[in-house]
């Protein structure tokens, strides 16, 4: 995955992936894609845009916001 301006690089992702809830091995429901969620949050924080302006590639803005 080529990192864009607002997304984590593979090296950055490797450093934090095991720290996030919902990963394989955790009890209960696992997240479908933690990296996509983090990148969506970073997009909003780094761009200064409103949550409603989150690009569709990150999923539904309301879900990422919650």
PDB file of N, CA and C in Angstrom:
ATOM      1  N   UNK A   1       0.849  -1.184   0.000  1.00  0.00           N
ATOM      2  CA  UNK A   1       0.000   0.000   0.000  1.00  0.00           C
ATOM      3  C   UNK A   1       0.890   1.241   0.000  1.00  0.00           C
ATOM      4  N   UNK A   2       0.792   2.031  -1.010  1.00  0.00           N
ATOM      5  CA  UNK A   2       1.567   3.268  -1.061  1.00  0.00           C
ATOM      6  C   UNK A   2       0.910   4.309  -0.159  1.00  0.00           C
ATOM      7  N   UNK A   3       1.679   4.862   0.742  1.00  0.00           N
ATOM      8  CA  UNK A   3       1.133   5.835   1.680  1.00  0.00           C
ATOM      9  C   UNK A   3       0.970   7.182   1.000  1.00  0.00           C
ATOM     10  N   UNK A   4      -0.210   7.752   1.184  1.00  0.00           N
ATOM     11  CA  UNK A   4      -0.419   9.089   0.653  1.00  0.00           C
ATOM     12  C   UNK A   4      -0.034  10.107   1.724  1.00  0.00           C
ATOM     13  N   UNK A   5      -0.246  11.331   1.421  1.00  0.00           N
ATOM     14  CA  UNK A   5       0.168  12.424   2.298  1.00  0.00           C
ATOM     15  C   UNK A   5      -0.375  12.304   3.727  1.00  0.00           C
ATOM     16  N   UNK A   6      -1.609  11.850   3.885  1.00  0.00           N
ATOM     17  CA  UNK A   6      -2.248  11.815   5.191  1.00  0.00           C
ATOM     18  C   UNK A   6      -2.280  10.428   5.830  1.00  0.00           C
ATOM     19  N   UNK A   7      -1.650   9.438   5.228  1.00  0.00           N
ATOM     20  CA  UNK A   7      -1.744   8.069   5.725  1.00  0.00           C
ATOM     21  C   UNK A   7      -0.436   7.577   6.326  1.00  0.00           C
ATOM     22  N   UNK A   8      -0.550   6.564   7.159  1.00  0.00           N
ATOM     23  CA  UNK A   8       0.616   5.951   7.779  1.00  0.00           C
ATOM     24  C   UNK A   8       1.419   5.171   6.750  1.00  0.00           C
ATOM     25  N   UNK A   9       2.721   5.221   6.875  1.00  0.00           N
ATOM     26  CA  UNK A   9       3.576   4.381   6.029  1.00  0.00           C
ATOM     27  C   UNK A   9       3.537   2.955   6.586  1.00  0.00           C
ATOM     28  N   UNK A  10       4.049   2.010   5.841  1.00  0.00           N
ATOM     29  CA  UNK A  10       4.088   0.625   6.308  1.00  0.00           C
ATOM     30  C   UNK A  10       4.911   0.496   7.589  1.00  0.00           C
ATOM     31  N   UNK A  11       5.998   1.241   7.684  1.00  0.00           N
ATOM     32  CA  UNK A  11       6.854   1.196   8.876  1.00  0.00           C
ATOM     33  C   UNK A  11       6.103   1.752  10.090  1.00  0.00           C
ATOM     34  N   UNK A  12       5.423   2.873   9.921  1.00  0.00           N
ATOM     35  CA  UNK A  12       4.647   3.461  11.024  1.00  0.00           C
ATOM     36  C   UNK A  12       3.540   2.509  11.462  1.00  0.00           C
ATOM     37  N   UNK A  13       2.849   1.909  10.484  1.00  0.00           N
ATOM     38  CA  UNK A  13       1.767   0.990  10.807  1.00  0.00           C
ATOM     39  C   UNK A  13       2.298  -0.227  11.585  1.00  0.00           C
ATOM     40  N   UNK A  14       3.421  -0.767  11.167  1.00  0.00           N
ATOM     41  CA  UNK A  14       3.998  -1.932  11.837  1.00  0.00           C
ATOM     42  C   UNK A  14       4.297  -1.635  13.310  1.00  0.00           C
ATOM     43  N   UNK A  15       4.659  -0.395  13.613  1.00  0.00           N
ATOM     44  CA  UNK A  15       4.995  -0.025  14.996  1.00  0.00           C
ATOM     45  C   UNK A  15       3.774   0.054  15.907  1.00  0.00           C
ATOM     46  N   UNK A  16       2.588   0.373  15.371  1.00  0.00           N
ATOM     47  CA  UNK A  16       1.418   0.550  16.240  1.00  0.00           C
ATOM     48  C   UNK A  16       0.344  -0.521  16.092  1.00  0.00           C
ATOM     49  N   UNK A  17       0.402  -1.344  15.071  1.00  0.00           N
ATOM     50  CA  UNK A  17      -0.666  -2.306  14.780  1.00  0.00           C
ATOM     51  C   UNK A  17      -0.999  -3.206  15.968  1.00  0.00           C
ATOM     52  N   UNK A  18      -0.004  -3.679  16.674  1.00  0.00           N
ATOM     53  CA  UNK A  18      -0.246  -4.619  17.775  1.00  0.00           C
ATOM     54  C   UNK A  18      -0.815  -3.924  19.015  1.00  0.00           C
ATOM     55  N   UNK A  19      -0.819  -2.606  19.037  1.00  0.00           N
ATOM     56  CA  UNK A  19      -1.318  -1.853  20.197  1.00  0.00           C
ATOM     57  C   UNK A  19      -2.815  -1.563  20.134  1.00  0.00           C
ATOM     58  N   UNK A  20      -3.409  -1.746  18.964  1.00  0.00           N
ATOM     59  CA  UNK A  20      -4.811  -1.374  18.770  1.00  0.00           C
ATOM     60  C   UNK A  20      -5.769  -2.483  19.174  1.00  0.00           C
ATOM     61  N   UNK A  21      -6.932  -2.114  19.736  1.00  0.00           N
ATOM     62  CA  UNK A  21      -7.942  -3.124  20.060  1.00  0.00           C
ATOM     63  C   UNK A  21      -8.570  -3.669  18.786  1.00  0.00           C
ATOM     64  N   UNK A  22      -9.183  -4.833  18.897  1.00  0.00           N
ATOM     65  CA  UNK A  22      -9.852  -5.417  17.753  1.00  0.00           C
ATOM     66  C   UNK A  22      -8.938  -6.185  16.821  1.00  0.00           C
ATOM     67  N   UNK A  23      -7.731  -6.474  17.276  1.00  0.00           N
ATOM     68  CA  UNK A  23      -6.808  -7.222  16.428  1.00  0.00           C
ATOM     69  C   UNK A  23      -7.048  -8.722  16.604  1.00  0.00           C
ATOM     70  N   UNK A  24      -6.539  -9.497  15.705  1.00  0.00           N
ATOM     71  CA  UNK A  24      -6.663 -10.951  15.789  1.00  0.00           C
ATOM     72  C   UNK A  24      -6.091 -11.408  17.122  1.00  0.00           C
ATOM     73  N   UNK A  25      -6.808 -12.268  17.812  1.00  0.00           N
ATOM     74  CA  UNK A  25      -6.355 -12.751  19.113  1.00  0.00           C
ATOM     75  C   UNK A  25      -7.075 -12.092  20.274  1.00  0.00           C
ATOM     76  N   UNK A  26      -7.677 -10.928  20.048  1.00  0.00           N
ATOM     77  CA  UNK A  26      -8.462 -10.279  21.095  1.00  0.00           C
ATOM     78  C   UNK A  26      -9.815 -10.972  21.211  1.00  0.00           C
ATOM     79  N   UNK A  27     -10.361 -11.070  22.439  1.00  0.00           N
ATOM     80  CA  UNK A  27     -11.690 -11.656  22.572  1.00  0.00           C
ATOM     81  C   UNK A  27     -12.751 -10.731  21.964  1.00  0.00           C
ATOM     82  N   UNK A  28     -13.847 -11.317  21.513  1.00  0.00           N
ATOM     83  CA  UNK A  28     -14.936 -10.520  20.963  1.00  0.00           C
ATOM     84  C   UNK A  28     -14.727 -10.195  19.499  1.00  0.00           C
ATOM     85  N   UNK A  29     -15.486  -9.235  19.044  1.00  0.00           N
ATOM     86  CA  UNK A  29     -15.455  -8.847  17.634  1.00  0.00           C
ATOM     87  C   UNK A  29     -14.148  -8.128  17.293  1.00  0.00           C
ATOM     88  N   UNK A  30     -13.584  -8.467  16.138  1.00  0.00           N
ATOM     89  CA  UNK A  30     -12.364  -7.784  15.703  1.00  0.00           C
ATOM     90  C   UNK A  30     -12.720  -6.733  14.669  1.00  0.00           C
ATOM     91  N   UNK A  31     -11.922  -5.729  14.595  1.00  0.00           N
ATOM     92  CA  UNK A  31     -12.132  -4.658  13.628  1.00  0.00           C
ATOM     93  C   UNK A  31     -11.863  -5.177  12.228  1.00  0.00           C
ATOM     94  N   UNK A  32     -12.625  -4.702  11.276  1.00  0.00           N
ATOM     95  CA  UNK A  32     -12.420  -5.169   9.904  1.00  0.00           C
ATOM     96  C   UNK A  32     -11.131  -4.601   9.312  1.00  0.00           C
ATOM     97  N   UNK A  33     -10.786  -3.382   9.684  1.00  0.00           N
ATOM     98  CA  UNK A  33      -9.547  -2.808   9.179  1.00  0.00           C
ATOM     99  C   UNK A  33      -9.117  -1.629  10.037  1.00  0.00           C
ATOM    100  N   UNK A  34      -8.290  -1.889  11.035  1.00  0.00           N
ATOM    101  CA  UNK A  34      -7.815  -0.838  11.924  1.00  0.00           C
ATOM    102  C   UNK A  34      -6.997   0.212  11.184  1.00  0.00           C
ATOM    103  N   UNK A  35      -6.230  -0.222  10.209  1.00  0.00           N
ATOM    104  CA  UNK A  35      -5.386   0.727   9.489  1.00  0.00           C
ATOM    105  C   UNK A  35      -6.223   1.748   8.722  1.00  0.00           C
ATOM    106  N   UNK A  36      -7.300   1.283   8.107  1.00  0.00           N
ATOM    107  CA  UNK A  36      -8.190   2.176   7.384  1.00  0.00           C
ATOM    108  C   UNK A  36      -8.813   3.192   8.344  1.00  0.00           C
ATOM    109  N   UNK A  37      -9.217   2.740   9.520  1.00  0.00           N
ATOM    110  CA  UNK A  37      -9.788   3.617  10.538  1.00  0.00           C
ATOM    111  C   UNK A  37      -8.782   4.688  10.966  1.00  0.00           C
ATOM    112  N   UNK A  38      -7.563   4.269  11.282  1.00  0.00           N
ATOM    113  CA  UNK A  38      -6.523   5.216  11.713  1.00  0.00           C
ATOM    114  C   UNK A  38      -6.221   6.213  10.602  1.00  0.00           C
ATOM    115  N   UNK A  39      -6.109   5.730   9.374  1.00  0.00           N
ATOM    116  CA  UNK A  39      -5.836   6.628   8.255  1.00  0.00           C
ATOM    117  C   UNK A  39      -6.978   7.627   8.049  1.00  0.00           C
ATOM    118  N   UNK A  40      -8.216   7.196   8.264  1.00  0.00           N
ATOM    119  CA  UNK A  40      -9.345   8.115   8.169  1.00  0.00           C
ATOM    120  C   UNK A  40      -9.277   9.201   9.227  1.00  0.00           C
ATOM    121  N   UNK A  41      -8.950   8.821  10.456  1.00  0.00           N
ATOM    122  CA  UNK A  41      -8.795   9.807  11.533  1.00  0.00           C
ATOM    123  C   UNK A  41      -7.665  10.781  11.219  1.00  0.00           C
ATOM    124  N   UNK A  42      -6.551  10.251  10.747  1.00  0.00           N
ATOM    125  CA  UNK A  42      -5.417  11.106  10.403  1.00  0.00           C
ATOM    126  C   UNK A  42      -5.754  12.059   9.266  1.00  0.00           C
ATOM    127  N   UNK A  43      -6.557  11.594   8.314  1.00  0.00           N
ATOM    128  CA  UNK A  43      -6.940  12.457   7.206  1.00  0.00           C
ATOM    129  C   UNK A  43      -7.683  13.687   7.728  1.00  0.00           C
ATOM    130  N   UNK A  44      -8.640  13.466   8.632  1.00  0.00           N
ATOM    131  CA  UNK A  44      -9.404  14.586   9.186  1.00  0.00           C
ATOM    132  C   UNK A  44      -8.502  15.502  10.008  1.00  0.00           C
ATOM    133  N   UNK A  45      -7.674  14.919  10.860  1.00  0.00           N
ATOM    134  CA  UNK A  45      -6.810  15.731  11.720  1.00  0.00           C
ATOM    135  C   UNK A  45      -5.780  16.534  10.933  1.00  0.00           C
ATOM    136  N   UNK A  46      -5.184  15.917   9.943  1.00  0.00           N
ATOM    137  CA  UNK A  46      -4.120  16.583   9.191  1.00  0.00           C
ATOM    138  C   UNK A  46      -4.651  17.549   8.137  1.00  0.00           C
ATOM    139  N   UNK A  47      -5.825  17.263   7.576  1.00  0.00           N
ATOM    140  CA  UNK A  47      -6.369  18.128   6.523  1.00  0.00           C
ATOM    141  C   UNK A  47      -7.132  19.316   7.103  1.00  0.00           C
ATOM    142  N   UNK A  48      -7.650  19.154   8.324  1.00  0.00           N
ATOM    143  CA  UNK A  48      -8.446  20.214   8.925  1.00  0.00           C
ATOM    144  C   UNK A  48      -9.882  20.236   8.417  1.00  0.00           C
ATOM    145  N   UNK A  49     -10.264  19.226   7.658  1.00  0.00           N
ATOM    146  CA  UNK A  49     -11.618  19.156   7.102  1.00  0.00           C
ATOM    147  C   UNK A  49     -12.610  18.659   8.156  1.00  0.00           C
ATOM    148  N   UNK A  50     -13.888  18.804   7.858  1.00  0.00           N
ATOM    149  CA  UNK A  50     -14.937  18.294   8.726  1.00  0.00           C
ATOM    150  C   UNK A  50     -15.095  16.794   8.492  1.00  0.00           C
ATOM    151  N   UNK A  51     -15.611  16.101   9.509  1.00  0.00           N
ATOM    152  CA  UNK A  51     -15.817  14.659   9.399  1.00  0.00           C
ATOM    153  C   UNK A  51     -16.687  14.313   8.200  1.00  0.00           C
ATOM    154  N   UNK A  52     -17.689  15.130   7.927  1.00  0.00           N
ATOM    155  CA  UNK A  52     -18.594  14.855   6.803  1.00  0.00           C
ATOM    156  C   UNK A  52     -17.873  14.883   5.452  1.00  0.00           C
ATOM    157  N   UNK A  53     -16.704  15.488   5.403  1.00  0.00           N
ATOM    158  CA  UNK A  53     -15.934  15.574   4.169  1.00  0.00           C
ATOM    159  C   UNK A  53     -14.945  14.424   3.994  1.00  0.00           C
ATOM    160  N   UNK A  54     -14.957  13.471   4.922  1.00  0.00           N
ATOM    161  CA  UNK A  54     -14.049  12.321   4.849  1.00  0.00           C
ATOM    162  C   UNK A  54     -14.280  11.562   3.550  1.00  0.00           C
ATOM    163  N   UNK A  55     -13.225  11.309   2.767  1.00  0.00           N
ATOM    164  CA  UNK A  55     -13.391  10.555   1.515  1.00  0.00           C
ATOM    165  C   UNK A  55     -13.986   9.167   1.761  1.00  0.00           C
ATOM    166  N   UNK A  56     -14.788   8.708   0.832  1.00  0.00           N
ATOM    167  CA  UNK A  56     -15.488   7.424   0.963  1.00  0.00           C
ATOM    168  C   UNK A  56     -14.545   6.241   1.109  1.00  0.00           C
ATOM    169  N   UNK A  57     -13.303   6.377   0.631  1.00  0.00           N
ATOM    170  CA  UNK A  57     -12.370   5.240   0.711  1.00  0.00           C
ATOM    171  C   UNK A  57     -12.075   4.829   2.155  1.00  0.00           C
ATOM    172  N   UNK A  58     -12.345   5.719   3.117  1.00  0.00           N
ATOM    173  CA  UNK A  58     -12.113   5.415   4.530  1.00  0.00           C
ATOM    174  C   UNK A  58     -13.352   4.833   5.215  1.00  0.00           C
ATOM    175  N   UNK A  59     -14.437   4.736   4.518  1.00  0.00           N
ATOM    176  CA  UNK A  59     -15.671   4.219   5.091  1.00  0.00           C
ATOM    177  C   UNK A  59     -16.637   5.348   5.401  1.00  0.00           C
ATOM    178  N   UNK A  60     -17.722   4.997   6.047  1.00  0.00           N
ATOM    179  CA  UNK A  60     -18.737   5.989   6.391  1.00  0.00           C
ATOM    180  C   UNK A  60     -18.180   6.939   7.446  1.00  0.00           C
ATOM    181  N   UNK A  61     -18.328   8.229   7.212  1.00  0.00           N
ATOM    182  CA  UNK A  61     -17.740   9.220   8.109  1.00  0.00           C
ATOM    183  C   UNK A  61     -18.270   9.069   9.521  1.00  0.00           C
ATOM    184  N   UNK A  62     -19.542   8.736   9.667  1.00  0.00           N
ATOM    185  CA  UNK A  62     -20.152   8.624  10.986  1.00  0.00           C
ATOM    186  C   UNK A  62     -19.523   7.463  11.785  1.00  0.00           C
ATOM    187  N   UNK A  63     -19.245   6.372  11.108  1.00  0.00           N
ATOM    188  CA  UNK A  63     -18.623   5.217  11.773  1.00  0.00           C
ATOM    189  C   UNK A  63     -17.207   5.536  12.207  1.00  0.00           C
ATOM    190  N   UNK A  64     -16.442   6.213  11.378  1.00  0.00           N
ATOM    191  CA  UNK A  64     -15.076   6.573  11.717  1.00  0.00           C
ATOM    192  C   UNK A  64     -15.093   7.572  12.872  1.00  0.00           C
ATOM    193  N   UNK A  65     -16.023   8.509  12.826  1.00  0.00           N
ATOM    194  CA  UNK A  65     -16.139   9.526  13.875  1.00  0.00           C
ATOM    195  C   UNK A  65     -16.434   8.908  15.237  1.00  0.00           C
ATOM    196  N   UNK A  66     -17.352   7.935  15.273  1.00  0.00           N
ATOM    197  CA  UNK A  66     -17.710   7.275  16.546  1.00  0.00           C
ATOM    198  C   UNK A  66     -16.549   6.472  17.068  1.00  0.00           C
TER     199      UNK A  66
END
